[in-house]
Amino acid sequence: MSVDWRKIPSLTALRAFDATAREGSFAGAARALNVTHAAVAQQVRGLEQELGVGLATRQGRQVVLTAAGQQLASTLANAFERIGDQIERTRLGARSRGLRVTCSPFMAERIIMPNLKDFWLLNPGAEISLSPTRDYADLAAEGFDLGIRSRHPDLRDQPGSNDLRTIHLKKVQVVGIAAPELVEKHGASSADMPWLWHDGMDLKLKMMRTGGLDVDKLRRVPIGSPNLLLEAVRGGIGMSLFTETLAQEEFSAGRVVKIDTPQPIFADYVAVLPKGQSHVLAETFAEWVRTLL
């Protein structure tokens, strides 16, 4: 059965009457709704006029319901309770499903996945769905609960940024990396090195300029897909920029060495969440990632 909403009084008026019936006074209803006594009384009187029947009478500071008022109050109480129960079930259902996280492929491969078992030890039964993407995902449009990203401090926008809440995780240094044999061949100057050039270089070019590099004068080695970047660096084909955190394992293994840029380069690791009610695990997961950086 469809509802003719034109015949239904405003929700504000119905809430005011429901609160009055529950509290037994306009003053009590006003406190419950965090509005003024006069506002509640006005809404109840307006509801009576709209329905064409008396619902309540004042006896001193108390309000006594008429027979019609008692019937309406009982129906509203049941309806609001059912609505509240269903909303809570819906909210809990959304928050109890698996946490959907988007991050860069290197973040997933180098930081999160090797340590995920530790998160599960701290949060038994937690379901994590990890989606590595190079581009910033539109969290709301693509159904993600959390994004973990590194970004240049001057770059604040990403898809749907007006609807996002940002948690700063850590400021990190971005460094040049190259294979030891490449350094032996070309020297340790970042300006003299061949640089790996790949698709989607906008953010990296911004960082390179921040580091004092004249990108127009650098020797470029095109490799197409950024998925080949680390292997190309290891193979001595050229150098590139990496956040120091992500490159730490490569440094320790001796596969690459650090190459200084003329000026230091920094990036921010951030967690982004949709505004409003967030997934129950979103901030917990973001804070756990912070401990890994």
Protein backbone atom coordinates (compact mmCIF):
# COMPACT_ATOMS: atom_id res chain seq x y z
CA MET A 1 0.00 0.00 0.00
CA SER A 2 1.50 3.31 -1.10
CA VAL A 3 1.48 6.34 1.20
CA ASP A 4 0.02 9.66 0.10
CA TRP A 5 2.67 11.88 1.66
CA ARG A 6 0.54 14.96 1.04
CA LYS A 7 -1.77 13.74 3.78
CA ILE A 8 1.00 12.99 6.29
CA PRO A 9 1.89 15.79 8.75
CA SER A 10 5.48 16.95 8.95
CA LEU A 11 8.00 14.71 10.71
CA THR A 12 8.93 17.64 12.96
CA ALA A 13 5.36 17.91 14.25
CA LEU A 14 5.04 14.15 14.75
CA ARG A 15 8.36 14.03 16.64
CA ALA A 16 7.25 16.91 18.85
CA PHE A 17 4.00 15.16 19.72
CA ASP A 18 5.73 11.80 20.27
CA ALA A 19 8.24 13.42 22.64
CA THR A 20 5.44 15.24 24.48
CA ALA A 21 3.55 11.99 24.96
CA ARG A 22 6.66 10.21 26.22
CA GLU A 23 7.79 12.99 28.56
CA GLY A 24 4.35 14.10 29.75
CA SER A 25 5.09 17.81 29.27
CA PHE A 26 6.17 20.36 26.69
CA ALA A 27 9.20 21.21 28.82
CA GLY A 28 10.35 17.57 28.95
CA ALA A 29 9.83 17.17 25.22
CA ALA A 30 11.83 20.35 24.60
CA ARG A 31 14.76 18.97 26.60
CA ALA A 32 14.60 15.64 24.76
CA LEU A 33 14.59 17.31 21.35
CA ASN A 34 16.99 20.10 22.31
CA VAL A 35 14.56 22.82 21.22
CA THR A 36 12.54 25.45 23.04
CA HIS A 37 9.37 24.82 25.05
CA ALA A 38 7.48 27.21 22.77
CA ALA A 39 8.63 25.38 19.63
CA VAL A 40 7.26 22.07 20.90
CA ALA A 41 3.94 23.58 21.94
CA GLN A 42 3.61 25.30 18.57
CA GLN A 43 4.25 22.05 16.69
CA VAL A 44 1.70 20.12 18.76
CA ARG A 45 -0.96 22.82 18.35
CA GLY A 46 -0.25 22.94 14.62
CA LEU A 47 -0.67 19.16 14.42
CA GLU A 48 -4.03 19.40 16.19
CA GLN A 49 -5.18 22.03 13.73
CA GLU A 50 -4.02 19.97 10.75
CA LEU A 51 -5.79 16.84 12.01
CA GLY A 52 -8.85 18.70 13.25
CA VAL A 53 -8.86 17.01 16.66
CA GLY A 54 -7.55 17.76 20.13
CA LEU A 55 -4.59 15.61 21.13
CA ALA A 56 -3.50 16.96 24.49
CA THR A 57 -4.62 19.29 27.25
CA ARG A 58 -2.44 21.12 29.74
CA GLN A 59 -2.95 20.50 33.45
CA GLY A 60 -0.50 22.72 35.25
CA ARG A 61 2.97 21.86 33.97
CA GLN A 62 1.85 18.47 32.72
CA VAL A 63 0.21 17.49 29.45
CA VAL A 64 -2.60 14.91 29.45
CA LEU A 65 -3.45 13.13 26.21
CA THR A 66 -6.98 12.89 24.92
CA ALA A 67 -8.34 9.56 23.68
CA ALA A 68 -7.36 10.50 20.12
CA GLY A 69 -3.96 11.61 21.39
CA GLN A 70 -3.38 8.30 23.17
CA GLN A 71 -4.17 6.33 20.02
CA LEU A 72 -1.86 8.47 17.87
CA ALA A 73 0.90 8.39 20.49
CA SER A 74 0.79 4.59 20.66
CA THR A 75 0.99 4.26 16.87
CA LEU A 76 3.83 6.81 16.59
CA ALA A 77 5.80 5.16 19.40
CA ASN A 78 5.63 1.79 17.67
CA ALA A 79 6.47 3.29 14.28
CA PHE A 80 9.46 5.31 15.52
CA GLU A 81 10.80 2.33 17.46
CA ARG A 82 10.54 0.13 14.37
CA ILE A 83 12.27 2.77 12.27
CA GLY A 84 15.01 3.16 14.87
CA ASP A 85 15.54 -0.59 15.14
CA GLN A 86 15.76 -1.01 11.37
CA ILE A 87 18.15 1.91 10.97
CA GLU A 88 20.42 0.41 13.61
CA ARG A 89 20.31 -3.00 11.93
CA THR A 90 21.13 -1.37 8.60
CA ARG A 91 23.99 0.60 10.13
CA LEU A 92 25.42 -2.44 11.89
CA GLY A 93 25.14 -4.50 8.73
CA ALA A 94 27.07 -1.92 6.73
CA ARG A 95 29.74 -1.55 9.40
CA SER A 96 30.16 -5.28 10.01
CA ARG A 97 30.88 -6.18 6.38
CA GLY A 98 34.47 -6.38 5.20
CA LEU A 99 36.53 -3.18 5.18
CA ARG A 100 37.23 -2.08 1.59
CA VAL A 101 40.61 -0.35 1.31
CA THR A 102 42.27 1.28 -1.69
CA CYS A 103 45.99 2.01 -1.75
CA SER A 104 48.90 2.10 -4.17
CA PRO A 105 50.29 -1.22 -5.44
CA PHE A 106 53.61 -0.65 -3.68
CA MET A 107 51.86 0.18 -0.41
CA ALA A 108 49.88 -3.04 -0.68
CA GLU A 109 52.84 -5.19 -1.70
CA ARG A 110 55.59 -3.73 0.49
CA ILE A 111 53.87 -2.54 3.64
CA ILE A 112 50.36 -3.87 4.18
CA MET A 113 50.35 -7.44 2.89
CA PRO A 114 53.58 -8.59 4.62
CA ASN A 115 52.19 -7.40 7.96
CA LEU A 116 48.47 -8.09 7.60
CA LYS A 117 48.66 -11.19 9.79
CA ASP A 118 49.62 -8.89 12.70
CA PHE A 119 46.46 -6.82 12.16
CA TRP A 120 44.39 -10.01 12.23
CA LEU A 121 46.03 -11.04 15.51
CA LEU A 122 44.93 -7.71 16.99
CA ASN A 123 41.48 -7.83 15.35
CA PRO A 124 40.37 -11.48 15.06
CA GLY A 125 37.74 -12.09 12.41
CA ALA A 126 38.27 -8.75 10.66
CA GLU A 127 37.63 -8.94 6.92
CA ILE A 128 39.86 -6.73 4.78
CA SER A 129 39.39 -6.29 1.04
CA LEU A 130 42.48 -4.59 -0.42
CA SER A 131 42.32 -2.99 -3.89
CA PRO A 132 45.66 -1.65 -5.16
CA THR A 133 45.22 1.22 -7.63
CA ARG A 134 47.71 3.77 -8.92
CA ASP A 135 45.15 6.54 -9.33
CA TYR A 136 43.19 8.11 -6.50
CA ALA A 137 39.88 6.29 -6.28
CA ASP A 138 36.58 8.10 -5.73
CA LEU A 139 35.76 6.41 -2.42
CA ALA A 140 32.03 7.08 -2.39
CA ALA A 141 31.45 6.30 -6.07
CA GLU A 142 33.51 3.09 -5.98
CA GLY A 143 32.32 1.86 -2.58
CA PHE A 144 35.59 2.11 -0.63
CA ASP A 145 35.63 2.68 3.13
CA LEU A 146 39.24 3.86 3.36
CA GLY A 147 42.05 5.10 1.15
CA ILE A 148 45.74 5.05 2.12
CA ARG A 149 47.89 7.31 -0.04
CA SER A 150 51.12 9.24 -0.26
CA ARG A 151 50.83 12.68 -1.79
CA HIS A 152 52.84 15.83 -2.35
CA PRO A 153 52.16 18.37 0.44
CA ASP A 154 51.00 20.92 -2.16
CA LEU A 155 48.45 18.55 -3.69
CA ARG A 156 45.31 18.34 -1.60
CA ASP A 157 42.56 17.42 -4.02
CA GLN A 158 41.39 14.02 -5.15
CA PRO A 159 38.08 12.75 -6.56
CA GLY A 160 35.20 13.56 -4.21
CA SER A 161 37.52 15.42 -1.82
CA ASN A 162 34.70 17.63 -0.52
CA ASP A 163 33.02 14.52 0.87
CA LEU A 164 36.17 13.10 2.48
CA ARG A 165 37.76 13.28 5.90
CA THR A 166 41.56 13.17 5.98
CA ILE A 167 43.76 11.70 8.72
CA HIS A 168 47.45 12.60 8.46
CA LEU A 169 49.55 9.51 9.11
CA LYS A 170 53.18 10.52 8.58
CA LYS A 171 55.45 12.90 6.72
CA VAL A 172 58.16 10.97 4.83
CA GLN A 173 61.09 11.81 2.61
CA VAL A 174 61.04 10.97 -1.07
CA VAL A 175 64.44 9.90 -2.39
CA GLY A 176 66.08 8.94 -5.64
CA ILE A 177 66.96 5.26 -6.03
CA ALA A 178 69.20 3.52 -8.53
CA ALA A 179 71.02 0.22 -8.95
CA PRO A 180 74.64 0.25 -7.70
CA GLU A 181 75.98 -0.55 -11.18
CA LEU A 182 74.16 2.46 -12.63
CA VAL A 183 75.85 4.70 -10.08
CA GLU A 184 79.24 3.23 -10.97
CA LYS A 185 78.57 4.01 -14.63
CA HIS A 186 77.09 7.50 -14.39
CA GLY A 187 78.16 8.80 -10.99
CA ALA A 188 75.91 9.75 -8.08
CA SER A 189 74.48 13.01 -9.47
CA SER A 190 70.74 12.82 -10.03
CA ALA A 191 71.05 15.38 -12.84
CA ASP A 192 73.42 13.11 -14.80
CA MET A 193 71.45 9.89 -14.37
CA PRO A 194 69.02 8.43 -16.92
CA TRP A 195 65.49 8.73 -15.47
CA LEU A 196 62.75 6.19 -15.96
CA TRP A 197 59.72 7.74 -17.65
CA HIS A 198 56.32 6.07 -17.43
CA ASP A 199 52.60 6.69 -17.75
CA GLY A 200 50.97 8.91 -15.12
CA MET A 201 54.02 11.04 -14.26
CA ASP A 202 52.17 14.21 -13.14
CA LEU A 203 52.69 13.77 -9.40
CA LYS A 204 56.26 12.57 -9.83
CA LEU A 205 57.13 15.53 -12.07
CA LYS A 206 55.80 17.87 -9.38
CA MET A 207 58.05 16.19 -6.82
CA MET A 208 61.07 16.26 -9.14
CA ARG A 209 60.68 20.00 -9.65
CA THR A 210 60.33 20.45 -5.88
CA GLY A 211 63.64 18.58 -5.56
CA GLY A 212 65.39 21.14 -7.75
CA LEU A 213 65.58 19.00 -10.89
CA ASP A 214 65.20 20.54 -14.35
CA VAL A 215 62.93 17.87 -15.79
CA ASP A 216 63.29 19.20 -19.34
CA LYS A 217 67.04 18.51 -19.30
CA LEU A 218 66.97 15.03 -17.80
CA ARG A 219 67.78 11.98 -19.89
CA ARG A 220 64.60 9.94 -20.21
CA VAL A 221 64.21 6.19 -20.55
CA PRO A 222 60.55 5.40 -21.40
CA ILE A 223 59.23 2.18 -19.88
CA GLY A 224 55.48 2.61 -20.48
CA SER A 225 53.73 1.03 -17.51
CA PRO A 226 54.70 2.08 -13.96
CA ASN A 227 54.22 -1.57 -12.96
CA LEU A 228 57.69 -2.19 -14.39
CA LEU A 229 59.30 0.63 -12.42
CA LEU A 230 61.00 -1.21 -9.58
CA GLU A 231 62.25 -4.01 -11.81
CA ALA A 232 63.67 -1.42 -14.21
CA VAL A 233 65.47 0.33 -11.34
CA ARG A 234 66.87 -2.95 -10.05
CA GLY A 235 68.01 -3.85 -13.55
CA GLY A 236 70.09 -0.69 -13.84
CA ILE A 237 68.00 0.80 -16.65
CA GLY A 238 67.45 4.13 -14.91
CA MET A 239 66.64 5.84 -11.62
CA SER A 240 63.37 7.01 -10.13
CA LEU A 241 61.83 8.53 -7.01
CA PHE A 242 60.45 6.42 -4.18
CA THR A 243 59.28 7.19 -0.69
CA GLU A 244 62.08 6.17 1.62
CA THR A 245 59.75 3.89 3.56
CA LEU A 246 58.86 1.83 0.49
CA ALA A 247 62.49 1.57 -0.60
CA GLN A 248 63.85 0.46 2.77
CA GLU A 249 63.80 -3.25 1.95
CA GLU A 250 65.65 -2.57 -1.31
CA PHE A 251 68.32 -0.56 0.53
CA SER A 252 68.79 -3.28 3.13
CA ALA A 253 69.20 -5.95 0.46
CA GLY A 254 71.71 -3.85 -1.47
CA ARG A 255 69.61 -3.96 -4.64
CA VAL A 256 69.41 -0.16 -4.86
CA VAL A 257 71.19 2.83 -3.36
CA LYS A 258 69.94 6.26 -2.41
CA ILE A 259 70.62 9.17 -4.78
CA ASP A 260 70.29 12.67 -3.36
CA THR A 261 68.31 15.32 -5.21
CA PRO A 262 69.44 18.99 -5.16
CA GLN A 263 66.67 19.80 -2.67
CA PRO A 264 64.93 17.43 -0.24
CA ILE A 265 61.51 16.14 -1.27
CA PHE A 266 58.77 15.22 1.18
CA ALA A 267 55.40 13.55 0.90
CA ASP A 268 52.52 12.98 3.29
CA TYR A 269 51.00 9.60 4.00
CA VAL A 270 47.30 10.13 4.63
CA ALA A 271 44.18 8.10 5.25
CA VAL A 272 40.98 9.33 3.63
CA LEU A 273 37.49 8.30 4.70
CA PRO A 274 34.02 9.30 3.54
CA LYS A 275 32.52 11.92 5.85
CA GLY A 276 29.79 10.78 8.22
CA GLN A 277 29.41 7.34 9.72
CA SER A 278 32.58 5.40 8.90
CA HIS A 279 33.19 1.66 8.87
CA VAL A 280 33.88 0.36 12.37
CA LEU A 281 37.40 -0.76 11.32
CA ALA A 282 38.39 2.21 9.15
CA GLU A 283 40.21 4.33 11.73
CA THR A 284 41.60 1.25 13.48
CA PHE A 285 43.16 0.08 10.21
CA ALA A 286 44.50 3.56 9.41
CA GLU A 287 46.17 3.83 12.81
CA TRP A 288 47.67 0.37 12.37
CA VAL A 289 49.15 1.41 9.00
CA ARG A 290 50.66 4.45 10.73
CA THR A 291 52.71 2.11 12.94
CA LEU A 292 54.22 0.51 9.82
CA LEU A 293 55.45 3.74 8.25
